[in-house]
Amino acid sequence: MDRPALLVTGSAVRIGRGLILAAARDGHDVAIHYNNSATHADETAAECRSLGVQAFTYAHDLRNADGLDGLMMRVLDDLPHLGCLVNCASAYTECSIMEADVATYNQQAEVNLRAPFFLTQAFARHVKKGLVVNVLDNKIGFHQYPYAAYLLPKIGLERFTKMAALELAPNIRVNAISPGIVMPGATRTSPYLDWRTEAIPVGYVGTVGDLYRGLRFLLDSPFVSGQILTIDGGENINLVGRNATNFDPAGAKSKL
């Protein structure tokens, strides 16, 4: 029990699942949060247990802010050595300022900002010493209005990371990792991914392993707090950024 247990939100699928499995391989007991993916959560927990660690699953709709303190208490009942919260769950709908409706905006704001805010609050209330890691998106550095309803809460989460690091110090450190293109969605075509890769200085798309190495660094670095670790192969150097809305599949390499 020398390693802290981790709670990773949205960890039944995709990036969250990759992080939780990497943590289990590293010897951490884990708390797997999910909303609707019960089967995937159970499968992930079984795989973690096969690695010799404790793994528990917790269902909760993060839009229900009143239940977040209760979620934290359920985790602590099972894993009293909880020492790290990773706010990874994300709601994503591509829509511009003029396309967004109230329901779409609220869903993304509630999951991407409000839930991490109150989960961090609950973690700081009940955990004597620990680490919070917020998962952002490297698009927060670009003014990509087609993703406005998604990116504004993520930008808020970046600022919250620094505010919380100040208020919750010295016992709770708060940092963030900001991924670039990792595990692209199934709708992204090979030409699009090739085009995106051209804008990444290191020349390839990242992996969840790259993100976990960042998380591992933050776990192992007690003198680091209030920092944003961008893990995108240097893509953020391109201040315009490439995305699905400025990709021209007809032949032009870029509309930029």
C-alpha atoms as a PDB file:
ATOM      1  CA  MET A   1       0.000   0.000   0.000  1.00  0.00           C
ATOM      2  CA  ASP A   2       2.998   2.286  -0.524  1.00  0.00           C
ATOM      3  CA  ARG A   3       1.501   3.560  -3.770  1.00  0.00           C
ATOM      4  CA  PRO A   4      -1.602   5.787  -3.627  1.00  0.00           C
ATOM      5  CA  ALA A   5      -4.852   4.510  -5.056  1.00  0.00           C
ATOM      6  CA  LEU A   6      -6.197   6.399  -8.079  1.00  0.00           C
ATOM      7  CA  LEU A   7      -9.719   7.467  -8.990  1.00  0.00           C
ATOM      8  CA  VAL A   8     -10.012   8.183 -12.708  1.00  0.00           C
ATOM      9  CA  THR A   9     -13.340   9.497 -13.968  1.00  0.00           C
ATOM     10  CA  GLY A  10     -14.597   8.124 -17.260  1.00  0.00           C
ATOM     11  CA  SER A  11     -12.217   5.184 -16.982  1.00  0.00           C
ATOM     12  CA  ALA A  12     -14.319   2.398 -18.487  1.00  0.00           C
ATOM     13  CA  VAL A  13     -13.430   3.391 -22.051  1.00  0.00           C
ATOM     14  CA  ARG A  14     -10.849   5.159 -24.220  1.00  0.00           C
ATOM     15  CA  ILE A  15      -8.219   7.392 -22.590  1.00  0.00           C
ATOM     16  CA  GLY A  16      -9.533   6.928 -19.065  1.00  0.00           C
ATOM     17  CA  ARG A  17      -9.407   3.163 -19.452  1.00  0.00           C
ATOM     18  CA  GLY A  18      -5.873   3.350 -20.810  1.00  0.00           C
ATOM     19  CA  LEU A  19      -4.750   5.440 -17.841  1.00  0.00           C
ATOM     20  CA  ILE A  20      -6.385   3.162 -15.285  1.00  0.00           C
ATOM     21  CA  LEU A  21      -4.823   0.036 -16.811  1.00  0.00           C
ATOM     22  CA  ALA A  22      -1.403   1.685 -16.913  1.00  0.00           C
ATOM     23  CA  ALA A  23      -1.780   2.659 -13.256  1.00  0.00           C
ATOM     24  CA  ALA A  24      -2.756  -0.911 -12.369  1.00  0.00           C
ATOM     25  CA  ARG A  25       0.290  -2.247 -14.206  1.00  0.00           C
ATOM     26  CA  ASP A  26       2.316   0.203 -12.118  1.00  0.00           C
ATOM     27  CA  GLY A  27       0.961  -1.327  -8.916  1.00  0.00           C
ATOM     28  CA  HIS A  28      -1.751   1.194  -8.014  1.00  0.00           C
ATOM     29  CA  ASP A  29      -5.132   0.142  -6.681  1.00  0.00           C
ATOM     30  CA  VAL A  30      -7.794   1.816  -8.793  1.00  0.00           C
ATOM     31  CA  ALA A  31     -11.309   3.234  -8.724  1.00  0.00           C
ATOM     32  CA  ILE A  32     -13.064   3.005 -12.086  1.00  0.00           C
ATOM     33  CA  HIS A  33     -15.804   5.575 -12.606  1.00  0.00           C
ATOM     34  CA  TYR A  34     -18.352   5.295 -15.403  1.00  0.00           C
ATOM     35  CA  ASN A  35     -21.761   6.600 -16.393  1.00  0.00           C
ATOM     36  CA  ASN A  36     -23.388   4.193 -18.866  1.00  0.00           C
ATOM     37  CA  SER A  37     -20.548   1.773 -19.695  1.00  0.00           C
ATOM     38  CA  ALA A  38     -21.159  -0.832 -16.988  1.00  0.00           C
ATOM     39  CA  THR A  39     -19.977  -3.806 -19.040  1.00  0.00           C
ATOM     40  CA  HIS A  40     -16.784  -2.038 -20.071  1.00  0.00           C
ATOM     41  CA  ALA A  41     -16.198  -0.959 -16.467  1.00  0.00           C
ATOM     42  CA  ASP A  42     -16.527  -4.533 -15.211  1.00  0.00           C
ATOM     43  CA  GLU A  43     -14.162  -5.785 -17.912  1.00  0.00           C
ATOM     44  CA  THR A  44     -11.636  -3.084 -17.065  1.00  0.00           C
ATOM     45  CA  ALA A  45     -11.854  -3.923 -13.368  1.00  0.00           C
ATOM     46  CA  ALA A  46     -11.307  -7.609 -14.078  1.00  0.00           C
ATOM     47  CA  GLU A  47      -8.239  -6.813 -16.168  1.00  0.00           C
ATOM     48  CA  CYS A  48      -6.854  -4.611 -13.394  1.00  0.00           C
ATOM     49  CA  ARG A  49      -7.412  -7.320 -10.783  1.00  0.00           C
ATOM     50  CA  SER A  50      -5.574  -9.797 -12.994  1.00  0.00           C
ATOM     51  CA  LEU A  51      -2.557  -7.510 -12.571  1.00  0.00           C
ATOM     52  CA  GLY A  52      -2.648  -8.047  -8.816  1.00  0.00           C
ATOM     53  CA  VAL A  53      -4.269  -4.817  -7.615  1.00  0.00           C
ATOM     54  CA  GLN A  54      -7.611  -3.907  -6.095  1.00  0.00           C
ATOM     55  CA  ALA A  55     -10.139  -2.456  -8.525  1.00  0.00           C
ATOM     56  CA  PHE A  56     -13.650  -1.167  -7.833  1.00  0.00           C
ATOM     57  CA  THR A  57     -16.291   0.308 -10.131  1.00  0.00           C
ATOM     58  CA  TYR A  58     -18.578   3.255  -9.442  1.00  0.00           C
ATOM     59  CA  ALA A  59     -21.531   4.415 -11.527  1.00  0.00           C
ATOM     60  CA  HIS A  60     -22.384   8.100 -11.422  1.00  0.00           C
ATOM     61  CA  ASP A  61     -23.728  10.680 -13.857  1.00  0.00           C
ATOM     62  CA  LEU A  62     -21.311  13.582 -13.428  1.00  0.00           C
ATOM     63  CA  ARG A  63     -24.084  16.006 -14.354  1.00  0.00           C
ATOM     64  CA  ASN A  64     -25.517  15.221 -10.898  1.00  0.00           C
ATOM     65  CA  ALA A  65     -23.293  17.564  -8.910  1.00  0.00           C
ATOM     66  CA  ASP A  66     -25.105  16.924  -5.630  1.00  0.00           C
ATOM     67  CA  GLY A  67     -23.914  13.315  -5.638  1.00  0.00           C
ATOM     68  CA  LEU A  68     -20.205  13.974  -6.167  1.00  0.00           C
ATOM     69  CA  ASP A  69     -19.274  14.126  -2.486  1.00  0.00           C
ATOM     70  CA  GLY A  70     -21.101  10.835  -2.024  1.00  0.00           C
ATOM     71  CA  LEU A  71     -19.162   9.323  -4.913  1.00  0.00           C
ATOM     72  CA  MET A  72     -15.902  10.332  -3.235  1.00  0.00           C
ATOM     73  CA  MET A  73     -17.021   8.791   0.061  1.00  0.00           C
ATOM     74  CA  ARG A  74     -17.925   5.513  -1.677  1.00  0.00           C
ATOM     75  CA  VAL A  75     -14.449   5.357  -3.172  1.00  0.00           C
ATOM     76  CA  LEU A  76     -12.800   6.104   0.172  1.00  0.00           C
ATOM     77  CA  ASP A  77     -14.825   3.373   1.869  1.00  0.00           C
ATOM     78  CA  ASP A  78     -13.214   0.859  -0.501  1.00  0.00           C
ATOM     79  CA  LEU A  79      -9.835   2.552  -0.951  1.00  0.00           C
ATOM     80  CA  PRO A  80      -8.966   4.587   2.156  1.00  0.00           C
ATOM     81  CA  HIS A  81      -5.465   5.099   0.741  1.00  0.00           C
ATOM     82  CA  LEU A  82      -6.864   7.097  -2.199  1.00  0.00           C
ATOM     83  CA  GLY A  83      -4.220   9.666  -3.070  1.00  0.00           C
ATOM     84  CA  CYS A  84      -4.887  10.795  -6.627  1.00  0.00           C
ATOM     85  CA  LEU A  85      -7.956  12.053  -8.475  1.00  0.00           C
ATOM     86  CA  VAL A  86      -7.759  12.218 -12.268  1.00  0.00           C
ATOM     87  CA  ASN A  87     -10.597  14.259 -13.781  1.00  0.00           C
ATOM     88  CA  CYS A  88     -10.618  12.570 -17.181  1.00  0.00           C
ATOM     89  CA  ALA A  89     -14.298  12.176 -18.106  1.00  0.00           C
ATOM     90  CA  SER A  90     -15.315  14.492 -20.914  1.00  0.00           C
ATOM     91  CA  ALA A  91     -18.421  15.418 -22.885  1.00  0.00           C
ATOM     92  CA  TYR A  92     -17.679  16.383 -26.475  1.00  0.00           C
ATOM     93  CA  THR A  93     -20.009  17.756 -29.123  1.00  0.00           C
ATOM     94  CA  GLU A  94     -18.644  19.724 -32.061  1.00  0.00           C
ATOM     95  CA  CYS A  95     -20.641  22.930 -32.333  1.00  0.00           C
ATOM     96  CA  SER A  96     -19.798  26.577 -32.863  1.00  0.00           C
ATOM     97  CA  ILE A  97     -21.082  29.550 -30.897  1.00  0.00           C
ATOM     98  CA  MET A  98     -23.981  30.055 -33.304  1.00  0.00           C
ATOM     99  CA  GLU A  99     -24.817  26.343 -33.478  1.00  0.00           C
ATOM    100  CA  ALA A 100     -24.868  25.677 -29.727  1.00  0.00           C
ATOM    101  CA  ASP A 101     -28.112  25.308 -27.828  1.00  0.00           C
ATOM    102  CA  VAL A 102     -28.553  25.485 -24.060  1.00  0.00           C
ATOM    103  CA  ALA A 103     -28.747  21.714 -23.571  1.00  0.00           C
ATOM    104  CA  THR A 104     -25.560  21.061 -25.540  1.00  0.00           C
ATOM    105  CA  TYR A 105     -23.662  23.808 -23.756  1.00  0.00           C
ATOM    106  CA  ASN A 106     -24.877  22.755 -20.312  1.00  0.00           C
ATOM    107  CA  GLN A 107     -23.947  19.124 -20.814  1.00  0.00           C
ATOM    108  CA  GLN A 108     -20.378  20.003 -21.735  1.00  0.00           C
ATOM    109  CA  ALA A 109     -20.018  22.640 -19.025  1.00  0.00           C
ATOM    110  CA  GLU A 110     -21.403  20.313 -16.349  1.00  0.00           C
ATOM    111  CA  VAL A 111     -19.157  17.373 -17.216  1.00  0.00           C
ATOM    112  CA  ASN A 112     -16.024  19.238 -18.304  1.00  0.00           C
ATOM    113  CA  LEU A 113     -15.858  21.920 -15.596  1.00  0.00           C
ATOM    114  CA  ARG A 114     -18.491  21.720 -12.877  1.00  0.00           C
ATOM    115  CA  ALA A 115     -17.885  18.050 -12.069  1.00  0.00           C
ATOM    116  CA  PRO A 116     -14.078  18.426 -11.772  1.00  0.00           C
ATOM    117  CA  PHE A 117     -14.633  21.518  -9.591  1.00  0.00           C
ATOM    118  CA  PHE A 118     -16.807  19.702  -7.061  1.00  0.00           C
ATOM    119  CA  LEU A 119     -14.909  16.409  -7.224  1.00  0.00           C
ATOM    120  CA  THR A 120     -11.738  18.319  -6.408  1.00  0.00           C
ATOM    121  CA  GLN A 121     -13.563  19.987  -3.538  1.00  0.00           C
ATOM    122  CA  ALA A 122     -14.699  16.605  -2.217  1.00  0.00           C
ATOM    123  CA  PHE A 123     -11.220  15.119  -2.628  1.00  0.00           C
ATOM    124  CA  ALA A 124      -9.659  17.997  -0.676  1.00  0.00           C
ATOM    125  CA  ARG A 125     -12.248  17.646   2.086  1.00  0.00           C
ATOM    126  CA  HIS A 126     -11.669  13.972   2.690  1.00  0.00           C
ATOM    127  CA  VAL A 127      -8.077  13.221   1.620  1.00  0.00           C
ATOM    128  CA  LYS A 128      -5.343  14.532   3.899  1.00  0.00           C
ATOM    129  CA  LYS A 129      -2.618  14.659   1.265  1.00  0.00           C
ATOM    130  CA  GLY A 130      -2.839  13.977  -2.446  1.00  0.00           C
ATOM    131  CA  LEU A 131      -2.764  14.984  -6.085  1.00  0.00           C
ATOM    132  CA  VAL A 132      -5.457  16.131  -8.504  1.00  0.00           C
ATOM    133  CA  VAL A 133      -4.749  15.901 -12.235  1.00  0.00           C
ATOM    134  CA  ASN A 134      -7.181  17.527 -14.653  1.00  0.00           C
ATOM    135  CA  VAL A 135      -7.220  16.283 -18.243  1.00  0.00           C
ATOM    136  CA  LEU A 136      -7.511  19.216 -20.634  1.00  0.00           C
ATOM    137  CA  ASP A 137      -7.098  19.398 -24.431  1.00  0.00           C
ATOM    138  CA  ASN A 138      -4.306  21.079 -26.356  1.00  0.00           C
ATOM    139  CA  LYS A 139      -7.008  22.907 -28.350  1.00  0.00           C
ATOM    140  CA  ILE A 140      -7.368  25.288 -25.394  1.00  0.00           C
ATOM    141  CA  GLY A 141      -4.384  27.108 -26.885  1.00  0.00           C
ATOM    142  CA  PHE A 142      -6.141  27.632 -30.220  1.00  0.00           C
ATOM    143  CA  HIS A 143      -9.067  29.922 -31.012  1.00  0.00           C
ATOM    144  CA  GLN A 144     -11.103  27.184 -32.674  1.00  0.00           C
ATOM    145  CA  TYR A 145     -14.636  28.527 -32.479  1.00  0.00           C
ATOM    146  CA  PRO A 146     -16.218  25.413 -34.092  1.00  0.00           C
ATOM    147  CA  TYR A 147     -15.539  23.734 -30.729  1.00  0.00           C
ATOM    148  CA  ALA A 148     -16.592  26.687 -28.554  1.00  0.00           C
ATOM    149  CA  ALA A 149     -19.100  24.901 -26.303  1.00  0.00           C
ATOM    150  CA  TYR A 150     -16.542  22.174 -25.586  1.00  0.00           C
ATOM    151  CA  LEU A 151     -13.431  24.332 -25.272  1.00  0.00           C
ATOM    152  CA  LEU A 152     -14.745  27.102 -23.017  1.00  0.00           C
ATOM    153  CA  PRO A 153     -15.241  24.728 -20.053  1.00  0.00           C
ATOM    154  CA  LYS A 154     -11.826  23.185 -20.755  1.00  0.00           C
ATOM    155  CA  ILE A 155     -10.269  26.664 -20.692  1.00  0.00           C
ATOM    156  CA  GLY A 156     -12.054  27.240 -17.403  1.00  0.00           C
ATOM    157  CA  LEU A 157     -10.630  23.970 -16.095  1.00  0.00           C
ATOM    158  CA  GLU A 158      -7.129  25.191 -16.924  1.00  0.00           C
ATOM    159  CA  ARG A 159      -7.662  28.322 -14.828  1.00  0.00           C
ATOM    160  CA  PHE A 160      -9.287  26.294 -12.069  1.00  0.00           C
ATOM    161  CA  THR A 161      -6.179  24.082 -11.955  1.00  0.00           C
ATOM    162  CA  LYS A 162      -4.038  27.054 -10.975  1.00  0.00           C
ATOM    163  CA  MET A 163      -6.598  28.514  -8.564  1.00  0.00           C
ATOM    164  CA  ALA A 164      -7.057  25.198  -6.788  1.00  0.00           C
ATOM    165  CA  ALA A 165      -3.299  24.646  -6.580  1.00  0.00           C
ATOM    166  CA  LEU A 166      -3.063  27.906  -4.625  1.00  0.00           C
ATOM    167  CA  GLU A 167      -6.057  27.398  -2.360  1.00  0.00           C
ATOM    168  CA  LEU A 168      -5.531  23.732  -1.553  1.00  0.00           C
ATOM    169  CA  ALA A 169      -1.767  23.911  -0.935  1.00  0.00           C
ATOM    170  CA  PRO A 170       0.253  22.540   0.716  1.00  0.00           C
ATOM    171  CA  ASN A 171      -1.564  19.245   1.258  1.00  0.00           C
ATOM    172  CA  ILE A 172      -3.253  18.926  -2.130  1.00  0.00           C
ATOM    173  CA  ARG A 173      -1.293  19.494  -5.328  1.00  0.00           C
ATOM    174  CA  VAL A 174      -3.273  20.272  -8.483  1.00  0.00           C
ATOM    175  CA  ASN A 175      -1.850  19.936 -11.993  1.00  0.00           C
ATOM    176  CA  ALA A 176      -3.154  19.161 -15.473  1.00  0.00           C
ATOM    177  CA  ILE A 177      -2.151  17.253 -18.558  1.00  0.00           C
ATOM    178  CA  SER A 178      -3.211  18.644 -21.919  1.00  0.00           C
ATOM    179  CA  PRO A 179      -3.214  15.938 -24.616  1.00  0.00           C
ATOM    180  CA  GLY A 180      -2.938  16.416 -28.320  1.00  0.00           C
ATOM    181  CA  ILE A 181      -4.276  13.871 -30.784  1.00  0.00           C
ATOM    182  CA  VAL A 182      -4.484  10.556 -28.927  1.00  0.00           C
ATOM    183  CA  MET A 183      -6.962   7.770 -29.693  1.00  0.00           C
ATOM    184  CA  PRO A 184      -8.783   9.687 -32.479  1.00  0.00           C
ATOM    185  CA  GLY A 185     -12.472   8.971 -32.926  1.00  0.00           C
ATOM    186  CA  ALA A 186     -13.709   6.388 -35.402  1.00  0.00           C
ATOM    187  CA  THR A 187     -15.080   9.109 -37.702  1.00  0.00           C
ATOM    188  CA  ARG A 188     -11.606  10.525 -38.361  1.00  0.00           C
ATOM    189  CA  THR A 189     -10.343   9.330 -41.744  1.00  0.00           C
ATOM    190  CA  SER A 190      -6.791   8.280 -42.589  1.00  0.00           C
ATOM    191  CA  PRO A 191      -6.236  11.329 -44.857  1.00  0.00           C
ATOM    192  CA  TYR A 192      -7.346  13.585 -42.004  1.00  0.00           C
ATOM    193  CA  LEU A 193      -5.038  11.863 -39.503  1.00  0.00           C
ATOM    194  CA  ASP A 194      -2.125  12.028 -41.953  1.00  0.00           C
ATOM    195  CA  TRP A 195      -2.784  15.739 -42.391  1.00  0.00           C
ATOM    196  CA  ARG A 196      -2.947  16.315 -38.639  1.00  0.00           C
ATOM    197  CA  THR A 197       0.292  14.397 -38.175  1.00  0.00           C
ATOM    198  CA  GLU A 198       2.062  16.741 -40.605  1.00  0.00           C
ATOM    199  CA  ALA A 199       1.554  19.537 -38.056  1.00  0.00           C
ATOM    200  CA  ILE A 200       3.075  17.559 -35.163  1.00  0.00           C
ATOM    201  CA  PRO A 201       6.796  18.336 -34.939  1.00  0.00           C
ATOM    202  CA  VAL A 202       7.761  14.884 -33.628  1.00  0.00           C
ATOM    203  CA  GLY A 203       5.963  13.367 -36.626  1.00  0.00           C
ATOM    204  CA  TYR A 204       3.521  10.922 -35.085  1.00  0.00           C
ATOM    205  CA  VAL A 205       0.257  10.646 -33.149  1.00  0.00           C
ATOM    206  CA  GLY A 206       0.491  10.126 -29.399  1.00  0.00           C
ATOM    207  CA  THR A 207      -0.595   7.178 -27.275  1.00  0.00           C
ATOM    208  CA  VAL A 208      -2.206   6.757 -23.886  1.00  0.00           C
ATOM    209  CA  GLY A 209       1.205   5.559 -22.746  1.00  0.00           C
ATOM    210  CA  ASP A 210       2.552   9.039 -23.471  1.00  0.00           C
ATOM    211  CA  LEU A 211      -0.179  10.510 -21.274  1.00  0.00           C
ATOM    212  CA  TYR A 212       0.474   8.049 -18.471  1.00  0.00           C
ATOM    213  CA  ARG A 213       4.162   8.928 -18.454  1.00  0.00           C
ATOM    214  CA  GLY A 214       3.059  12.514 -17.848  1.00  0.00           C
ATOM    215  CA  LEU A 215       0.752  11.407 -15.052  1.00  0.00           C
ATOM    216  CA  ARG A 216       3.539   9.274 -13.586  1.00  0.00           C
ATOM    217  CA  PHE A 217       5.843  12.310 -13.603  1.00  0.00           C
ATOM    218  CA  LEU A 218       3.268  14.338 -11.670  1.00  0.00           C
ATOM    219  CA  LEU A 219       2.758  11.523  -9.167  1.00  0.00           C
ATOM    220  CA  ASP A 220       6.507  11.329  -8.576  1.00  0.00           C
ATOM    221  CA  SER A 221       7.153  15.092  -8.388  1.00  0.00           C
ATOM    222  CA  PRO A 222       6.017  16.566  -5.060  1.00  0.00           C
ATOM    223  CA  PHE A 223       7.567  19.952  -5.898  1.00  0.00           C
ATOM    224  CA  VAL A 224       5.322  20.407  -8.958  1.00  0.00           C
ATOM    225  CA  SER A 225       1.926  22.086  -8.542  1.00  0.00           C
ATOM    226  CA  GLY A 226      -0.269  24.425 -10.550  1.00  0.00           C
ATOM    227  CA  GLN A 227       1.317  23.336 -13.823  1.00  0.00           C
ATOM    228  CA  ILE A 228      -0.101  22.382 -17.222  1.00  0.00           C
ATOM    229  CA  LEU A 229       1.849  19.576 -18.891  1.00  0.00           C
ATOM    230  CA  THR A 230       1.074  19.658 -22.614  1.00  0.00           C
ATOM    231  CA  ILE A 231       1.613  16.254 -24.217  1.00  0.00           C
ATOM    232  CA  ASP A 232       1.047  16.728 -27.931  1.00  0.00           C
ATOM    233  CA  GLY A 233       4.346  16.212 -29.720  1.00  0.00           C
ATOM    234  CA  GLY A 234       4.754  19.977 -30.011  1.00  0.00           C
ATOM    235  CA  GLU A 235       1.540  20.550 -31.977  1.00  0.00           C
ATOM    236  CA  ASN A 236       0.654  23.535 -29.795  1.00  0.00           C
ATOM    237  CA  ILE A 237       3.544  25.467 -31.372  1.00  0.00           C
ATOM    238  CA  ASN A 238       1.215  25.895 -34.376  1.00  0.00           C
ATOM    239  CA  LEU A 239      -0.996  28.593 -32.879  1.00  0.00           C
ATOM    240  CA  VAL A 240      -3.768  28.162 -35.454  1.00  0.00           C
ATOM    241  CA  GLY A 241      -4.010  24.400 -35.146  1.00  0.00           C
ATOM    242  CA  ARG A 242      -5.410  21.790 -37.473  1.00  0.00           C
ATOM    243  CA  ASN A 243      -8.844  20.291 -36.898  1.00  0.00           C
ATOM    244  CA  ALA A 244     -11.711  18.683 -38.784  1.00  0.00           C
ATOM    245  CA  THR A 245     -13.239  22.034 -39.734  1.00  0.00           C
ATOM    246  CA  ASN A 246     -10.215  23.323 -41.669  1.00  0.00           C
ATOM    247  CA  PHE A 247      -9.310  20.015 -43.323  1.00  0.00           C
ATOM    248  CA  ASP A 248      -9.904  19.911 -47.089  1.00  0.00           C
ATOM    249  CA  PRO A 249     -10.249  16.252 -48.172  1.00  0.00           C
ATOM    250  CA  ALA A 250     -10.502  17.301 -51.831  1.00  0.00           C
ATOM    251  CA  GLY A 251      -6.789  17.799 -52.162  1.00  0.00           C
ATOM    252  CA  ALA A 252      -5.563  20.994 -50.544  1.00  0.00           C
ATOM    253  CA  LYS A 253      -3.286  20.082 -47.672  1.00  0.00           C
ATOM    254  CA  SER A 254      -4.525  22.931 -45.541  1.00  0.00           C
ATOM    255  CA  LYS A 255      -6.936  25.826 -45.596  1.00  0.00           C
ATOM    256  CA  LEU A 256      -4.617  27.721 -43.266  1.00  0.00           C
END
